[in-house]
Amino acid sequence: MPLLLLGPTGVGKTYLAKLIYDYSRAKKIIADHAPYFVFNCAQYANNPELLSSFLFGHSKGAFTGALKDQVGLM
């Protein structure tokens, strides 16, 4: 169940994401062992290709350093 929260720094995006995750686990919407990822897209502002690779994955050889197929977060 991918979720993308947008907003300015300091508004509580990570906090809200954790609340949604905890609620979803408590209501059995997702499994207790479901993974929880926090991914700061701002760290990749100067490299949108790398951001896209982390979010959506890539194939081996797609770019320099892509040594194997990689599944994205979404």
C-alpha atoms as a PDB file:
ATOM      1  CA  MET A   1       0.000   0.000   0.000  1.00  0.00           C
ATOM      2  CA  PRO A   2       2.333   2.782  -1.185  1.00  0.00           C
ATOM      3  CA  LEU A   3       1.670   6.239   0.180  1.00  0.00           C
ATOM      4  CA  LEU A   4       3.333   9.493  -0.796  1.00  0.00           C
ATOM      5  CA  LEU A   5       3.018  12.409   1.632  1.00  0.00           C
ATOM      6  CA  LEU A   6       4.043  15.857   0.431  1.00  0.00           C
ATOM      7  CA  GLY A   7       4.538  19.063   2.362  1.00  0.00           C
ATOM      8  CA  PRO A   8       7.034  21.570   3.711  1.00  0.00           C
ATOM      9  CA  THR A   9       9.729  20.683   6.201  1.00  0.00           C
ATOM     10  CA  GLY A  10       8.518  20.250   9.755  1.00  0.00           C
ATOM     11  CA  VAL A  11       4.791  19.720   9.178  1.00  0.00           C
ATOM     12  CA  GLY A  12       4.796  16.128  10.480  1.00  0.00           C
ATOM     13  CA  LYS A  13       4.815  13.963   7.359  1.00  0.00           C
ATOM     14  CA  THR A  14       6.866  11.191   8.973  1.00  0.00           C
ATOM     15  CA  TYR A  15       4.742  11.332  12.124  1.00  0.00           C
ATOM     16  CA  LEU A  16       1.519  11.068  10.095  1.00  0.00           C
ATOM     17  CA  ALA A  17       2.915   8.171   8.065  1.00  0.00           C
ATOM     18  CA  LYS A  18       3.747   6.279  11.264  1.00  0.00           C
ATOM     19  CA  LEU A  19       0.243   6.916  12.633  1.00  0.00           C
ATOM     20  CA  ILE A  20      -1.310   5.573   9.430  1.00  0.00           C
ATOM     21  CA  TYR A  21       0.959   2.530   9.557  1.00  0.00           C
ATOM     22  CA  ASP A  22       0.188   1.802  13.213  1.00  0.00           C
ATOM     23  CA  TYR A  23      -3.568   2.255  12.621  1.00  0.00           C
ATOM     24  CA  SER A  24      -3.470  -0.043   9.584  1.00  0.00           C
ATOM     25  CA  ARG A  25      -1.715  -2.739  11.598  1.00  0.00           C
ATOM     26  CA  ALA A  26      -4.117  -2.364  14.553  1.00  0.00           C
ATOM     27  CA  LYS A  27      -7.174  -2.663  12.261  1.00  0.00           C
ATOM     28  CA  LYS A  28      -5.604  -5.630  10.416  1.00  0.00           C
ATOM     29  CA  ILE A  29      -5.661  -3.725   7.128  1.00  0.00           C
ATOM     30  CA  ILE A  30      -2.029  -4.738   6.710  1.00  0.00           C
ATOM     31  CA  ALA A  31      -0.127  -7.607   8.318  1.00  0.00           C
ATOM     32  CA  ASP A  32       1.768  -7.122  11.570  1.00  0.00           C
ATOM     33  CA  HIS A  33       5.016  -7.877   9.748  1.00  0.00           C
ATOM     34  CA  ALA A  34       4.313  -5.438   6.866  1.00  0.00           C
ATOM     35  CA  PRO A  35       7.374  -3.288   6.142  1.00  0.00           C
ATOM     36  CA  TYR A  36       7.467   0.399   7.000  1.00  0.00           C
ATOM     37  CA  PHE A  37       9.771   2.651   4.982  1.00  0.00           C
ATOM     38  CA  VAL A  38      10.551   6.327   5.407  1.00  0.00           C
ATOM     39  CA  PHE A  39      12.195   7.662   2.273  1.00  0.00           C
ATOM     40  CA  ASN A  40      13.320  11.288   2.105  1.00  0.00           C
ATOM     41  CA  CYS A  41      13.023  12.336  -1.541  1.00  0.00           C
ATOM     42  CA  ALA A  42      14.728  15.679  -0.812  1.00  0.00           C
ATOM     43  CA  GLN A  43      18.059  13.865  -0.582  1.00  0.00           C
ATOM     44  CA  TYR A  44      17.767  13.183  -4.320  1.00  0.00           C
ATOM     45  CA  ALA A  45      16.707  16.684  -5.466  1.00  0.00           C
ATOM     46  CA  ASN A  46      19.855  17.049  -7.573  1.00  0.00           C
ATOM     47  CA  ASN A  47      19.609  13.560  -9.056  1.00  0.00           C
ATOM     48  CA  PRO A  48      16.043  12.787 -10.206  1.00  0.00           C
ATOM     49  CA  GLU A  49      17.189   9.711 -12.133  1.00  0.00           C
ATOM     50  CA  LEU A  50      18.503   8.119  -8.937  1.00  0.00           C
ATOM     51  CA  LEU A  51      15.286   9.041  -7.113  1.00  0.00           C
ATOM     52  CA  SER A  52      13.252   7.425  -9.872  1.00  0.00           C
ATOM     53  CA  SER A  53      15.439   4.325  -9.636  1.00  0.00           C
ATOM     54  CA  PHE A  54      14.847   3.975  -5.877  1.00  0.00           C
ATOM     55  CA  LEU A  55      11.098   4.528  -6.180  1.00  0.00           C
ATOM     56  CA  PHE A  56      10.315   2.470  -9.285  1.00  0.00           C
ATOM     57  CA  GLY A  57      13.313   0.162  -9.686  1.00  0.00           C
ATOM     58  CA  HIS A  58      15.704  -0.398 -12.563  1.00  0.00           C
ATOM     59  CA  SER A  59      17.182  -3.093 -14.750  1.00  0.00           C
ATOM     60  CA  LYS A  60      20.779  -4.207 -14.838  1.00  0.00           C
ATOM     61  CA  GLY A  61      22.772  -1.907 -17.105  1.00  0.00           C
ATOM     62  CA  ALA A  62      20.151   0.870 -17.117  1.00  0.00           C
ATOM     63  CA  PHE A  63      22.819   3.329 -15.962  1.00  0.00           C
ATOM     64  CA  THR A  64      26.401   3.326 -14.714  1.00  0.00           C
ATOM     65  CA  GLY A  65      26.426   1.454 -11.430  1.00  0.00           C
ATOM     66  CA  ALA A  66      23.257  -0.574 -12.100  1.00  0.00           C
ATOM     67  CA  LEU A  67      24.926  -3.933 -11.557  1.00  0.00           C
ATOM     68  CA  LYS A  68      21.712  -5.934 -11.078  1.00  0.00           C
ATOM     69  CA  ASP A  69      17.956  -5.640 -11.444  1.00  0.00           C
ATOM     70  CA  GLN A  70      16.484  -3.720  -8.508  1.00  0.00           C
ATOM     71  CA  VAL A  71      12.852  -3.675  -7.393  1.00  0.00           C
ATOM     72  CA  GLY A  72      11.634  -0.208  -6.420  1.00  0.00           C
ATOM     73  CA  LEU A  73       9.843   0.821  -3.255  1.00  0.00           C
ATOM     74  CA  MET A  74       6.564   1.259  -5.136  1.00  0.00           C
END
